[in-house]
């Protein structure tokens, strides 16, 4: 006869330590976004001329419906949306992609990016990266708990969904207070140094 073994109760302090360990390793497991999917049937040249997008690979499609049917939205966390998508509003487009995405996503319109300072764009990318790293850390804990046959990944003593959500949110907030933005790439540091030495 095979008996199911139950691991000992995990305290919230243990979960925090484990989550912090996963957060640290996530720097090597998750990649900062290097592509943006632009859903715009008309303005390819305008998107390509935006300076803050020069370090990203731009992929273009004509229709939000194609993106969702083909499932290609799963390969992106950055999206550029035409101000005038045929047959659907920006708000609805964002909602459809967010519901079907496995990670956090950011949306931009053409006019938004044209006027956006580099520092603000970099800040948004760092926030996106941080949220995805936090999500990675939480998902690693959930995987481990499922593997250990726990029905509740955040502690067997919790039976109510509300308590589970509260505990998960508390863990996310704890990780947010410990997340460090990715260090800039060496070429970005060099570029900034050159701008400082030889201002345009």
C-alpha atoms as a PDB file:
ATOM      1  CA  UNK A   1       0.000   0.000   0.000  1.00  0.00           C
ATOM      2  CA  UNK A   2       1.383   3.398  -1.028  1.00  0.00           C
ATOM      3  CA  UNK A   3       0.843   6.251   1.368  1.00  0.00           C
ATOM      4  CA  UNK A   4       0.834   9.861   0.262  1.00  0.00           C
ATOM      5  CA  UNK A   5       3.461  11.882   2.077  1.00  0.00           C
ATOM      6  CA  UNK A   6       2.719  15.436   3.106  1.00  0.00           C
ATOM      7  CA  UNK A   7       5.530  17.918   3.556  1.00  0.00           C
ATOM      8  CA  UNK A   8       5.739  19.828   6.788  1.00  0.00           C
ATOM      9  CA  UNK A   9       3.941  23.157   6.966  1.00  0.00           C
ATOM     10  CA  UNK A  10       5.840  25.952   5.317  1.00  0.00           C
ATOM     11  CA  UNK A  11       5.886  29.215   7.220  1.00  0.00           C
ATOM     12  CA  UNK A  12       5.428  32.479   5.421  1.00  0.00           C
ATOM     13  CA  UNK A  13       9.027  33.377   6.336  1.00  0.00           C
ATOM     14  CA  UNK A  14      10.167  30.202   4.521  1.00  0.00           C
ATOM     15  CA  UNK A  15       8.111  31.201   1.485  1.00  0.00           C
ATOM     16  CA  UNK A  16       9.654  34.681   1.493  1.00  0.00           C
ATOM     17  CA  UNK A  17      13.180  33.232   1.606  1.00  0.00           C
ATOM     18  CA  UNK A  18      12.363  30.790  -1.199  1.00  0.00           C
ATOM     19  CA  UNK A  19      10.728  33.520  -3.302  1.00  0.00           C
ATOM     20  CA  UNK A  20      13.753  35.781  -2.821  1.00  0.00           C
ATOM     21  CA  UNK A  21      16.023  32.967  -3.985  1.00  0.00           C
ATOM     22  CA  UNK A  22      13.909  32.508  -7.136  1.00  0.00           C
ATOM     23  CA  UNK A  23      13.861  36.273  -7.701  1.00  0.00           C
ATOM     24  CA  UNK A  24      17.655  36.366  -7.589  1.00  0.00           C
ATOM     25  CA  UNK A  25      17.956  33.498 -10.068  1.00  0.00           C
ATOM     26  CA  UNK A  26      15.326  35.098 -12.328  1.00  0.00           C
ATOM     27  CA  UNK A  27      17.903  37.591 -13.589  1.00  0.00           C
ATOM     28  CA  UNK A  28      19.322  34.683 -15.585  1.00  0.00           C
ATOM     29  CA  UNK A  29      15.990  32.994 -16.358  1.00  0.00           C
ATOM     30  CA  UNK A  30      13.910  35.870 -17.733  1.00  0.00           C
ATOM     31  CA  UNK A  31      15.030  38.136 -20.523  1.00  0.00           C
ATOM     32  CA  UNK A  32      14.377  41.840 -20.829  1.00  0.00           C
ATOM     33  CA  UNK A  33      12.154  42.456 -23.858  1.00  0.00           C
ATOM     34  CA  UNK A  34      14.000  43.009 -27.112  1.00  0.00           C
ATOM     35  CA  UNK A  35      11.025  42.904 -29.521  1.00  0.00           C
ATOM     36  CA  UNK A  36       7.806  44.828 -29.943  1.00  0.00           C
ATOM     37  CA  UNK A  37       4.789  43.627 -31.905  1.00  0.00           C
ATOM     38  CA  UNK A  38       3.181  46.518 -33.734  1.00  0.00           C
ATOM     39  CA  UNK A  39      -0.417  46.115 -34.817  1.00  0.00           C
ATOM     40  CA  UNK A  40      -0.786  48.845 -37.394  1.00  0.00           C
ATOM     41  CA  UNK A  41      -1.683  48.348 -41.057  1.00  0.00           C
ATOM     42  CA  UNK A  42      -0.474  51.809 -42.169  1.00  0.00           C
ATOM     43  CA  UNK A  43       2.400  53.475 -40.319  1.00  0.00           C
ATOM     44  CA  UNK A  44       5.410  51.149 -40.489  1.00  0.00           C
ATOM     45  CA  UNK A  45       7.882  53.921 -41.422  1.00  0.00           C
ATOM     46  CA  UNK A  46       6.673  56.181 -38.599  1.00  0.00           C
ATOM     47  CA  UNK A  47       7.176  53.421 -36.022  1.00  0.00           C
ATOM     48  CA  UNK A  48      10.653  52.679 -37.411  1.00  0.00           C
ATOM     49  CA  UNK A  49      11.655  56.343 -37.074  1.00  0.00           C
ATOM     50  CA  UNK A  50      10.975  56.523 -33.308  1.00  0.00           C
ATOM     51  CA  UNK A  51      14.373  56.902 -31.569  1.00  0.00           C
ATOM     52  CA  UNK A  52      13.462  55.080 -28.334  1.00  0.00           C
ATOM     53  CA  UNK A  53      12.616  51.930 -30.313  1.00  0.00           C
ATOM     54  CA  UNK A  54      15.972  51.752 -32.111  1.00  0.00           C
ATOM     55  CA  UNK A  55      17.342  49.057 -29.763  1.00  0.00           C
ATOM     56  CA  UNK A  56      14.240  46.852 -30.239  1.00  0.00           C
ATOM     57  CA  UNK A  57      13.338  44.549 -33.106  1.00  0.00           C
ATOM     58  CA  UNK A  58      10.032  45.732 -34.593  1.00  0.00           C
ATOM     59  CA  UNK A  59       7.577  43.134 -35.921  1.00  0.00           C
ATOM     60  CA  UNK A  60       4.497  44.320 -37.803  1.00  0.00           C
ATOM     61  CA  UNK A  61       1.069  42.777 -38.304  1.00  0.00           C
ATOM     62  CA  UNK A  62      -2.117  44.250 -39.741  1.00  0.00           C
ATOM     63  CA  UNK A  63      -4.803  42.816 -37.487  1.00  0.00           C
ATOM     64  CA  UNK A  64      -5.419  42.109 -33.808  1.00  0.00           C
ATOM     65  CA  UNK A  65      -7.605  39.197 -34.883  1.00  0.00           C
ATOM     66  CA  UNK A  66      -4.673  37.574 -36.685  1.00  0.00           C
ATOM     67  CA  UNK A  67      -2.463  38.070 -33.607  1.00  0.00           C
ATOM     68  CA  UNK A  68      -4.957  36.309 -31.349  1.00  0.00           C
ATOM     69  CA  UNK A  69      -5.880  33.526 -33.786  1.00  0.00           C
ATOM     70  CA  UNK A  70      -2.240  32.692 -34.505  1.00  0.00           C
ATOM     71  CA  UNK A  71      -1.251  32.988 -30.835  1.00  0.00           C
ATOM     72  CA  UNK A  72       1.793  35.112 -31.643  1.00  0.00           C
ATOM     73  CA  UNK A  73       0.962  37.505 -28.805  1.00  0.00           C
ATOM     74  CA  UNK A  74       2.511  34.918 -26.444  1.00  0.00           C
ATOM     75  CA  UNK A  75       5.954  35.761 -27.845  1.00  0.00           C
ATOM     76  CA  UNK A  76       5.775  39.434 -26.837  1.00  0.00           C
ATOM     77  CA  UNK A  77       5.461  41.629 -23.800  1.00  0.00           C
ATOM     78  CA  UNK A  78       5.580  44.932 -25.715  1.00  0.00           C
ATOM     79  CA  UNK A  79       2.856  45.973 -28.142  1.00  0.00           C
ATOM     80  CA  UNK A  80       2.421  48.985 -30.367  1.00  0.00           C
ATOM     81  CA  UNK A  81      -1.168  49.727 -31.328  1.00  0.00           C
ATOM     82  CA  UNK A  82      -2.493  51.887 -34.112  1.00  0.00           C
ATOM     83  CA  UNK A  83      -4.683  54.735 -32.901  1.00  0.00           C
ATOM     84  CA  UNK A  84      -7.281  53.524 -35.373  1.00  0.00           C
ATOM     85  CA  UNK A  85      -7.478  49.756 -35.347  1.00  0.00           C
ATOM     86  CA  UNK A  86     -10.270  48.694 -37.663  1.00  0.00           C
ATOM     87  CA  UNK A  87     -13.264  47.170 -35.890  1.00  0.00           C
ATOM     88  CA  UNK A  88     -11.918  47.280 -32.323  1.00  0.00           C
ATOM     89  CA  UNK A  89     -10.955  49.876 -29.724  1.00  0.00           C
ATOM     90  CA  UNK A  90      -7.545  50.116 -28.099  1.00  0.00           C
ATOM     91  CA  UNK A  91      -9.086  49.300 -24.720  1.00  0.00           C
ATOM     92  CA  UNK A  92     -10.682  46.102 -26.073  1.00  0.00           C
ATOM     93  CA  UNK A  93      -7.460  45.140 -27.880  1.00  0.00           C
ATOM     94  CA  UNK A  94      -5.465  45.492 -24.672  1.00  0.00           C
ATOM     95  CA  UNK A  95      -8.035  43.514 -22.696  1.00  0.00           C
ATOM     96  CA  UNK A  96      -8.032  40.644 -25.219  1.00  0.00           C
ATOM     97  CA  UNK A  97      -4.233  40.374 -25.249  1.00  0.00           C
ATOM     98  CA  UNK A  98      -3.860  40.671 -21.446  1.00  0.00           C
ATOM     99  CA  UNK A  99      -6.393  37.909 -20.802  1.00  0.00           C
ATOM    100  CA  UNK A 100      -4.528  35.558 -23.139  1.00  0.00           C
ATOM    101  CA  UNK A 101      -0.963  36.429 -22.081  1.00  0.00           C
ATOM    102  CA  UNK A 102       1.157  34.429 -19.655  1.00  0.00           C
ATOM    103  CA  UNK A 103       3.192  37.461 -18.574  1.00  0.00           C
ATOM    104  CA  UNK A 104       2.792  41.158 -17.955  1.00  0.00           C
ATOM    105  CA  UNK A 105       2.470  43.275 -21.087  1.00  0.00           C
ATOM    106  CA  UNK A 106       2.800  46.949 -22.062  1.00  0.00           C
ATOM    107  CA  UNK A 107       0.908  48.782 -24.783  1.00  0.00           C
ATOM    108  CA  UNK A 108       1.867  51.963 -26.614  1.00  0.00           C
ATOM    109  CA  UNK A 109       0.305  54.107 -29.288  1.00  0.00           C
ATOM    110  CA  UNK A 110       2.395  55.779 -31.974  1.00  0.00           C
ATOM    111  CA  UNK A 111       1.799  59.327 -30.705  1.00  0.00           C
ATOM    112  CA  UNK A 112       2.605  58.207 -27.154  1.00  0.00           C
ATOM    113  CA  UNK A 113       6.032  56.868 -28.101  1.00  0.00           C
ATOM    114  CA  UNK A 114       6.942  59.774 -30.370  1.00  0.00           C
ATOM    115  CA  UNK A 115       6.673  62.170 -27.404  1.00  0.00           C
ATOM    116  CA  UNK A 116       7.952  59.856 -24.659  1.00  0.00           C
ATOM    117  CA  UNK A 117      11.318  60.665 -23.033  1.00  0.00           C
ATOM    118  CA  UNK A 118      13.910  57.863 -23.028  1.00  0.00           C
ATOM    119  CA  UNK A 119      14.020  57.803 -19.234  1.00  0.00           C
ATOM    120  CA  UNK A 120      10.279  57.198 -18.969  1.00  0.00           C
ATOM    121  CA  UNK A 121      10.374  54.399 -21.554  1.00  0.00           C
ATOM    122  CA  UNK A 122      13.319  52.757 -19.756  1.00  0.00           C
ATOM    123  CA  UNK A 123      11.442  53.076 -16.448  1.00  0.00           C
ATOM    124  CA  UNK A 124       8.389  51.302 -17.924  1.00  0.00           C
ATOM    125  CA  UNK A 125      10.572  48.528 -19.376  1.00  0.00           C
ATOM    126  CA  UNK A 126      12.272  48.042 -15.988  1.00  0.00           C
ATOM    127  CA  UNK A 127       8.872  47.863 -14.272  1.00  0.00           C
ATOM    128  CA  UNK A 128       7.691  45.280 -16.802  1.00  0.00           C
ATOM    129  CA  UNK A 129      10.880  43.280 -16.297  1.00  0.00           C
ATOM    130  CA  UNK A 130      10.481  43.437 -12.507  1.00  0.00           C
ATOM    131  CA  UNK A 131       6.870  42.241 -12.626  1.00  0.00           C
ATOM    132  CA  UNK A 132       7.810  39.350 -14.913  1.00  0.00           C
ATOM    133  CA  UNK A 133      10.649  38.358 -12.586  1.00  0.00           C
ATOM    134  CA  UNK A 134       8.266  38.442  -9.618  1.00  0.00           C
ATOM    135  CA  UNK A 135       5.768  36.332 -11.560  1.00  0.00           C
ATOM    136  CA  UNK A 136       8.585  33.874 -12.375  1.00  0.00           C
ATOM    137  CA  UNK A 137       9.504  33.592  -8.667  1.00  0.00           C
ATOM    138  CA  UNK A 138       5.878  32.984  -7.632  1.00  0.00           C
ATOM    139  CA  UNK A 139       5.379  30.409 -10.396  1.00  0.00           C
ATOM    140  CA  UNK A 140       8.487  28.500  -9.237  1.00  0.00           C
ATOM    141  CA  UNK A 141       7.008  28.236  -5.743  1.00  0.00           C
ATOM    142  CA  UNK A 142       3.673  27.071  -7.162  1.00  0.00           C
ATOM    143  CA  UNK A 143       5.441  24.429  -9.286  1.00  0.00           C
ATOM    144  CA  UNK A 144       7.357  23.114  -6.311  1.00  0.00           C
ATOM    145  CA  UNK A 145       4.234  22.963  -4.145  1.00  0.00           C
ATOM    146  CA  UNK A 146       2.273  21.148  -6.862  1.00  0.00           C
ATOM    147  CA  UNK A 147       5.137  18.688  -7.152  1.00  0.00           C
ATOM    148  CA  UNK A 148       4.869  18.086  -3.398  1.00  0.00           C
ATOM    149  CA  UNK A 149       1.120  17.341  -3.796  1.00  0.00           C
ATOM    150  CA  UNK A 150      -0.051  20.429  -1.999  1.00  0.00           C
ATOM    151  CA  UNK A 151      -3.420  21.658  -3.145  1.00  0.00           C
ATOM    152  CA  UNK A 152      -2.585  25.144  -1.879  1.00  0.00           C
ATOM    153  CA  UNK A 153       0.810  26.441  -3.037  1.00  0.00           C
ATOM    154  CA  UNK A 154       1.032  29.048  -0.285  1.00  0.00           C
ATOM    155  CA  UNK A 155       0.462  26.856   2.728  1.00  0.00           C
ATOM    156  CA  UNK A 156      -1.766  23.869   3.529  1.00  0.00           C
ATOM    157  CA  UNK A 157      -3.378  25.678   6.460  1.00  0.00           C
ATOM    158  CA  UNK A 158      -5.247  28.052   4.133  1.00  0.00           C
ATOM    159  CA  UNK A 159      -8.568  26.807   2.835  1.00  0.00           C
ATOM    160  CA  UNK A 160     -10.226  29.940   1.556  1.00  0.00           C
ATOM    161  CA  UNK A 161      -9.469  31.526  -1.803  1.00  0.00           C
ATOM    162  CA  UNK A 162      -9.497  35.032  -0.282  1.00  0.00           C
ATOM    163  CA  UNK A 163      -6.735  34.101   2.169  1.00  0.00           C
ATOM    164  CA  UNK A 164      -4.671  32.571  -0.622  1.00  0.00           C
ATOM    165  CA  UNK A 165      -4.958  35.712  -2.746  1.00  0.00           C
ATOM    166  CA  UNK A 166      -4.024  37.851   0.250  1.00  0.00           C
ATOM    167  CA  UNK A 167      -0.946  35.732   0.968  1.00  0.00           C
ATOM    168  CA  UNK A 168       0.140  35.758  -2.675  1.00  0.00           C
ATOM    169  CA  UNK A 169      -0.290  39.534  -2.885  1.00  0.00           C
ATOM    170  CA  UNK A 170       1.738  39.996   0.308  1.00  0.00           C
ATOM    171  CA  UNK A 171       4.497  37.852  -1.161  1.00  0.00           C
ATOM    172  CA  UNK A 172       4.427  39.899  -4.379  1.00  0.00           C
ATOM    173  CA  UNK A 173       4.736  43.136  -2.398  1.00  0.00           C
ATOM    174  CA  UNK A 174       7.651  41.667  -0.448  1.00  0.00           C
ATOM    175  CA  UNK A 175       9.400  40.788  -3.727  1.00  0.00           C
ATOM    176  CA  UNK A 176       8.697  44.241  -5.192  1.00  0.00           C
ATOM    177  CA  UNK A 177      10.566  45.763  -2.252  1.00  0.00           C
ATOM    178  CA  UNK A 178      13.575  43.560  -3.080  1.00  0.00           C
ATOM    179  CA  UNK A 179      13.622  43.606  -6.848  1.00  0.00           C
ATOM    180  CA  UNK A 180      16.568  45.359  -8.453  1.00  0.00           C
ATOM    181  CA  UNK A 181      16.381  46.626 -11.998  1.00  0.00           C
ATOM    182  CA  UNK A 182      18.556  44.941 -14.557  1.00  0.00           C
ATOM    183  CA  UNK A 183      21.882  46.573 -15.029  1.00  0.00           C
ATOM    184  CA  UNK A 184      22.117  48.432 -18.323  1.00  0.00           C
ATOM    185  CA  UNK A 185      23.864  46.671 -21.160  1.00  0.00           C
ATOM    186  CA  UNK A 186      27.548  47.638 -21.628  1.00  0.00           C
ATOM    187  CA  UNK A 187      26.748  49.262 -24.993  1.00  0.00           C
ATOM    188  CA  UNK A 188      24.071  51.415 -23.300  1.00  0.00           C
ATOM    189  CA  UNK A 189      26.567  52.546 -20.642  1.00  0.00           C
ATOM    190  CA  UNK A 190      29.087  53.393 -23.382  1.00  0.00           C
ATOM    191  CA  UNK A 191      26.450  55.269 -25.385  1.00  0.00           C
ATOM    192  CA  UNK A 192      25.506  57.362 -22.329  1.00  0.00           C
ATOM    193  CA  UNK A 193      29.182  58.067 -21.584  1.00  0.00           C
ATOM    194  CA  UNK A 194      29.774  59.251 -25.157  1.00  0.00           C
ATOM    195  CA  UNK A 195      26.730  61.534 -24.947  1.00  0.00           C
ATOM    196  CA  UNK A 196      28.120  62.978 -21.719  1.00  0.00           C
ATOM    197  CA  UNK A 197      31.602  63.555 -23.181  1.00  0.00           C
ATOM    198  CA  UNK A 198      30.363  64.808 -26.571  1.00  0.00           C
ATOM    199  CA  UNK A 199      26.914  66.323 -26.080  1.00  0.00           C
ATOM    200  CA  UNK A 200      24.967  66.745 -29.299  1.00  0.00           C
END
